[in-house]
C-alpha atoms as a PDB file:
ATOM      1  CA  MET A   1      20.623   0.602  65.056  1.00  0.00           C
ATOM      2  CA  ILE A   2      20.659   0.965  61.487  1.00  0.00           C
ATOM      3  CA  LYS A   3      18.006   2.727  58.824  1.00  0.00           C
ATOM      4  CA  SER A   4      16.522  -1.109  57.879  1.00  0.00           C
ATOM      5  CA  GLU A   5      16.275  -1.947  62.229  1.00  0.00           C
ATOM      6  CA  MET A   6      15.143   1.416  62.440  1.00  0.00           C
ATOM      7  CA  PHE A   7      12.043   0.419  59.547  1.00  0.00           C
ATOM      8  CA  ASN A   8      11.412  -3.518  60.433  1.00  0.00           C
ATOM      9  CA  LYS A   9      11.012  -2.124  64.016  1.00  0.00           C
ATOM     10  CA  ALA A  10       8.298   0.922  63.547  1.00  0.00           C
ATOM     11  CA  ILE A  11       6.850  -2.163  61.451  1.00  0.00           C
ATOM     12  CA  THR A  12       6.710  -4.331  63.075  1.00  0.00           C
ATOM     13  CA  LYS A  13       4.922  -2.159  66.245  1.00  0.00           C
ATOM     14  CA  MET A  14       2.459  -0.346  63.833  1.00  0.00           C
ATOM     15  CA  VAL A  15       0.786  -3.675  62.698  1.00  0.00           C
ATOM     16  CA  LEU A  16       0.995  -5.415  66.279  1.00  0.00           C
ATOM     17  CA  LYS A  17      -1.164  -2.266  67.744  1.00  0.00           C
ATOM     18  CA  HIS A  18      -3.185  -1.794  64.951  1.00  0.00           C
ATOM     19  CA  GLY A  19      -4.067  -6.139  66.476  1.00  0.00           C
ATOM     20  CA  ALA A  20      -1.467  -8.275  63.697  1.00  0.00           C
ATOM     21  CA  LYS A  21      -1.191 -12.375  64.385  1.00  0.00           C
ATOM     22  CA  LYS A  22       1.692 -14.063  63.546  1.00  0.00           C
ATOM     23  CA  ALA A  23       1.716 -15.663  60.131  1.00  0.00           C
ATOM     24  CA  ASP A  24       1.950 -19.334  59.216  1.00  0.00           C
ATOM     25  CA  TYR A  25       2.959 -17.758  55.289  1.00  0.00           C
ATOM     26  CA  TRP A  26       5.781 -16.168  53.374  1.00  0.00           C
ATOM     27  CA  TYR A  27       4.497 -13.100  55.416  1.00  0.00           C
ATOM     28  CA  LYS A  28       5.295 -12.370  58.686  1.00  0.00           C
ATOM     29  CA  TRP A  29       2.085 -10.925  60.287  1.00  0.00           C
ATOM     30  CA  ILE A  30      -1.607 -10.934  59.255  1.00  0.00           C
ATOM     31  CA  ILE A  31      -4.353  -8.233  60.221  1.00  0.00           C
ATOM     32  CA  ASP A  32      -8.573  -8.563  59.746  1.00  0.00           C
ATOM     33  CA  THR A  33      -9.265  -4.955  57.611  1.00  0.00           C
ATOM     34  CA  ASN A  34     -12.563  -3.485  57.194  1.00  0.00           C
ATOM     35  CA  TYR A  35     -12.018  -5.998  53.997  1.00  0.00           C
ATOM     36  CA  GLY A  36     -10.298  -8.563  54.810  1.00  0.00           C
ATOM     37  CA  LYS A  37      -8.196 -10.419  55.841  1.00  0.00           C
ATOM     38  CA  LEU A  38      -4.704  -8.768  54.825  1.00  0.00           C
ATOM     39  CA  TYR A  39      -0.565 -10.471  55.293  1.00  0.00           C
ATOM     40  CA  ILE A  40       1.838  -8.168  55.840  1.00  0.00           C
ATOM     41  CA  THR A  41       5.561  -8.207  55.886  1.00  0.00           C
ATOM     42  CA  VAL A  42       9.192  -6.312  55.217  1.00  0.00           C
ATOM     43  CA  HIS A  43      12.194  -7.043  54.272  1.00  0.00           C
ATOM     44  CA  GLU A  44      15.561  -5.923  54.936  1.00  0.00           C
ATOM     45  CA  PRO A  45      15.708  -3.455  51.934  1.00  0.00           C
ATOM     46  CA  GLU A  46      18.685  -4.124  49.146  1.00  0.00           C
ATOM     47  CA  LYS A  47      22.084  -2.116  50.005  1.00  0.00           C
ATOM     48  CA  ARG A  48      22.263  -0.695  46.278  1.00  0.00           C
ATOM     49  CA  GLN A  49      18.732   0.507  45.371  1.00  0.00           C
ATOM     50  CA  LYS A  50      18.605   1.738  49.221  1.00  0.00           C
ATOM     51  CA  LEU A  51      14.535   0.658  49.387  1.00  0.00           C
ATOM     52  CA  PHE A  52      11.907   0.736  51.824  1.00  0.00           C
ATOM     53  CA  SER A  53       9.116  -1.664  51.327  1.00  0.00           C
ATOM     54  CA  VAL A  54       5.933  -3.410  53.377  1.00  0.00           C
ATOM     55  CA  PHE A  55       4.860  -6.076  51.403  1.00  0.00           C
ATOM     56  CA  CYS A  56       1.089  -7.285  51.833  1.00  0.00           C
ATOM     57  CA  ARG A  57      -1.445  -8.954  50.181  1.00  0.00           C
ATOM     58  CA  PHE A  58      -4.787  -9.902  50.386  1.00  0.00           C
ATOM     59  CA  LEU A  59      -6.984 -12.703  50.928  1.00  0.00           C
ATOM     60  CA  GLU A  60     -10.285 -11.436  49.269  1.00  0.00           C
ATOM     61  CA  PRO A  61      -9.013  -8.814  46.593  1.00  0.00           C
ATOM     62  CA  ASP A  62     -12.286  -8.329  44.841  1.00  0.00           C
ATOM     63  CA  LYS A  63     -13.847  -6.595  48.561  1.00  0.00           C
ATOM     64  CA  ALA A  64     -10.320  -4.818  48.627  1.00  0.00           C
ATOM     65  CA  LYS A  65      -9.986  -3.744  44.894  1.00  0.00           C
ATOM     66  CA  LEU A  66     -12.655  -1.100  45.771  1.00  0.00           C
ATOM     67  CA  HIS A  67     -11.377   1.161  48.137  1.00  0.00           C
ATOM     68  CA  THR A  68      -7.329   0.159  47.760  1.00  0.00           C
ATOM     69  CA  SER A  69      -5.475  -0.046  44.730  1.00  0.00           C
ATOM     70  CA  CYS A  70      -4.483  -3.716  45.687  1.00  0.00           C
ATOM     71  CA  ASN A  71      -3.627  -5.617  42.785  1.00  0.00           C
ATOM     72  CA  PRO A  72      -7.583  -6.423  41.765  1.00  0.00           C
ATOM     73  CA  TYR A  73      -5.838  -9.989  41.175  1.00  0.00           C
ATOM     74  CA  SER A  74      -3.522 -11.168  43.518  1.00  0.00           C
ATOM     75  CA  GLY A  75      -4.222  -8.823  46.023  1.00  0.00           C
ATOM     76  CA  LYS A  76      -1.112  -7.189  46.463  1.00  0.00           C
ATOM     77  CA  TRP A  77      -0.989  -4.465  47.905  1.00  0.00           C
ATOM     78  CA  ASN A  78       2.604  -3.234  47.991  1.00  0.00           C
ATOM     79  CA  PHE A  79       4.942   0.009  49.050  1.00  0.00           C
ATOM     80  CA  HIS A  80       8.765   0.428  47.661  1.00  0.00           C
ATOM     81  CA  ILE A  81       9.635   3.639  48.554  1.00  0.00           C
ATOM     82  CA  THR A  82      12.875   5.306  48.923  1.00  0.00           C
ATOM     83  CA  GLU A  83      12.326   7.938  52.063  1.00  0.00           C
ATOM     84  CA  MET A  84      11.955   5.369  55.051  1.00  0.00           C
ATOM     85  CA  LYS A  85       9.732   8.051  57.297  1.00  0.00           C
ATOM     86  CA  GLU A  86       7.666   8.527  53.864  1.00  0.00           C
ATOM     87  CA  CYS A  87       7.308   5.101  53.730  1.00  0.00           C
ATOM     88  CA  ILE A  88       6.201   4.225  57.572  1.00  0.00           C
ATOM     89  CA  GLN A  89       4.221   6.940  57.805  1.00  0.00           C
ATOM     90  CA  ILE A  90       2.335   6.712  54.659  1.00  0.00           C
ATOM     91  CA  PHE A  91       1.815   2.283  55.112  1.00  0.00           C
ATOM     92  CA  GLU A  92       0.197   3.174  58.703  1.00  0.00           C
ATOM     93  CA  TYR A  93      -1.795   6.112  57.115  1.00  0.00           C
ATOM     94  CA  HIS A  94      -3.085   3.139  54.822  1.00  0.00           C
ATOM     95  CA  LEU A  95      -2.807   0.891  58.050  1.00  0.00           C
ATOM     96  CA  LYS A  96      -5.567   3.398  59.849  1.00  0.00           C
ATOM     97  CA  PHE A  97      -8.106   3.226  56.901  1.00  0.00           C
ATOM     98  CA  ILE A  98      -7.886  -0.144  56.483  1.00  0.00           C
ATOM     99  CA  THR A  99      -8.470  -1.681  59.805  1.00  0.00           C
ATOM    100  CA  GLY A 100     -11.037   1.878  61.268  1.00  0.00           C
ATOM    101  CA  MET A 101     -10.543   5.174  60.997  1.00  0.00           C
ATOM    102  CA  THR A 102     -12.934   7.190  63.528  1.00  0.00           C
ATOM    103  CA  LYS A 103     -16.468   8.121  62.445  1.00  0.00           C
ATOM    104  CA  ILE A 104     -15.162  11.805  61.448  1.00  0.00           C
ATOM    105  CA  GLU A 105     -11.928  10.624  59.674  1.00  0.00           C
ATOM    106  CA  LYS A 106     -13.967   8.649  58.358  1.00  0.00           C
ATOM    107  CA  VAL A 107     -16.723  11.006  56.610  1.00  0.00           C
ATOM    108  CA  LEU A 108     -14.215  13.405  56.099  1.00  0.00           C
ATOM    109  CA  TYR A 109     -11.909  11.027  54.052  1.00  0.00           C
ATOM    110  CA  GLU A 110     -14.993  10.621  52.158  1.00  0.00           C
ATOM    111  CA  ALA A 111     -16.565  14.166  51.471  1.00  0.00           C
ATOM    112  CA  CYS A 112     -12.317  14.286  50.821  1.00  0.00           C
ATOM    113  CA  LYS A 113     -12.098  11.395  47.986  1.00  0.00           C
ATOM    114  CA  ASN A 114     -15.969  12.499  46.108  1.00  0.00           C
ATOM    115  CA  ALA A 115     -15.875  15.306  46.150  1.00  0.00           C
ATOM    116  CA  LEU A 116     -12.096  15.904  44.106  1.00  0.00           C
ATOM    117  CA  GLY A 117     -12.708  12.493  42.204  1.00  0.00           C
ATOM    118  CA  PHE A 118     -10.440  10.275  43.566  1.00  0.00           C
ATOM    119  CA  GLY A 119     -10.886   6.554  42.654  1.00  0.00           C
ATOM    120  CA  SER A 120      -7.810   4.528  44.769  1.00  0.00           C
ATOM    121  CA  VAL A 121      -7.282   5.653  48.066  1.00  0.00           C
ATOM    122  CA  LYS A 122      -3.959   5.614  46.418  1.00  0.00           C
ATOM    123  CA  SER A 123      -4.339   8.952  44.796  1.00  0.00           C
ATOM    124  CA  LEU A 124      -4.864  10.188  48.215  1.00  0.00           C
ATOM    125  CA  SER A 125      -1.167   9.305  49.375  1.00  0.00           C
ATOM    126  CA  ARG A 126      -0.044  12.028  47.117  1.00  0.00           C
ATOM    127  CA  PHE A 127      -0.836  14.238  50.220  1.00  0.00           C
ATOM    128  CA  VAL A 128       0.673  12.702  52.743  1.00  0.00           C
ATOM    129  CA  GLU A 129       3.513  14.705  53.056  1.00  0.00           C
ATOM    130  CA  PRO A 130       6.271  13.647  56.159  1.00  0.00           C
ATOM    131  CA  GLY A 131       6.148  15.447  59.127  1.00  0.00           C
ATOM    132  CA  VAL A 132       2.285  16.291  58.379  1.00  0.00           C
ATOM    133  CA  THR A 133      -0.620  14.271  60.452  1.00  0.00           C
ATOM    134  CA  LEU A 134      -3.705  12.653  58.981  1.00  0.00           C
ATOM    135  CA  GLU A 135      -5.773  15.483  60.655  1.00  0.00           C
ATOM    136  CA  LYS A 136      -4.084  18.131  59.219  1.00  0.00           C
ATOM    137  CA  ASN A 137      -4.022  16.388  55.876  1.00  0.00           C
ATOM    138  CA  LEU A 138      -7.777  15.904  55.977  1.00  0.00           C
ATOM    139  CA  GLU A 139      -8.154  19.909  57.312  1.00  0.00           C
ATOM    140  CA  GLU A 140      -6.193  20.919  54.554  1.00  0.00           C
ATOM    141  CA  SER A 141      -7.952  18.832  51.918  1.00  0.00           C
ATOM    142  CA  ILE A 142     -11.558  20.389  53.295  1.00  0.00           C
ATOM    143  CA  LYS A 143     -10.287  23.756  53.155  1.00  0.00           C
ATOM    144  CA  LEU A 144      -9.269  23.127  49.399  1.00  0.00           C
ATOM    145  CA  ILE A 145     -13.161  21.536  48.342  1.00  0.00           C
ATOM    146  CA  GLU A 146     -14.458  25.220  50.383  1.00  0.00           C
ATOM    147  CA  GLU A 147     -12.617  27.263  48.250  1.00  0.00           C
ATOM    148  CA  LYS A 148     -12.748  25.316  44.835  1.00  0.00           C
ATOM    149  CA  TYR A 149     -16.470  23.942  45.394  1.00  0.00           C
ATOM    150  CA  ILE A 150     -18.765  25.618  48.380  1.00  0.00           C
ATOM    151  CA  LEU A 151     -17.214  28.889  48.025  1.00  0.00           C
ATOM    152  CA  LYS A 152     -17.081  30.516  45.015  1.00  0.00           C
END
């Protein structure tokens, strides 16, 4: 199976797991999130660019812009990454956040975001490394917070 097929299959499986329904639009799926409805689609990566992309658009950008790095006017919230695994992992991390983390994940995330002064979900994505789970990232972030702010 070629990488683009693997990528599309992984994204399809992921969005369906989070409750996506077939969309009647340019986008393939629509999903209810904590911040309104979100359209999602993927396309074959261009051979020249080797860029893996997930295209998203919030229907209510006014709600979503407070919690994501979406375009505050159009609601567009796209992911373009050259490494397939990294794109899947980062998109899954964000999808999990907007569709509902566990209570402890939300508390830890908000603690990390507030203590480190992050302004958006996108700014935390730089801490998501391939092969590292969300829980591991949050544990490392909490440790960093404790070292920087609490254990002085």
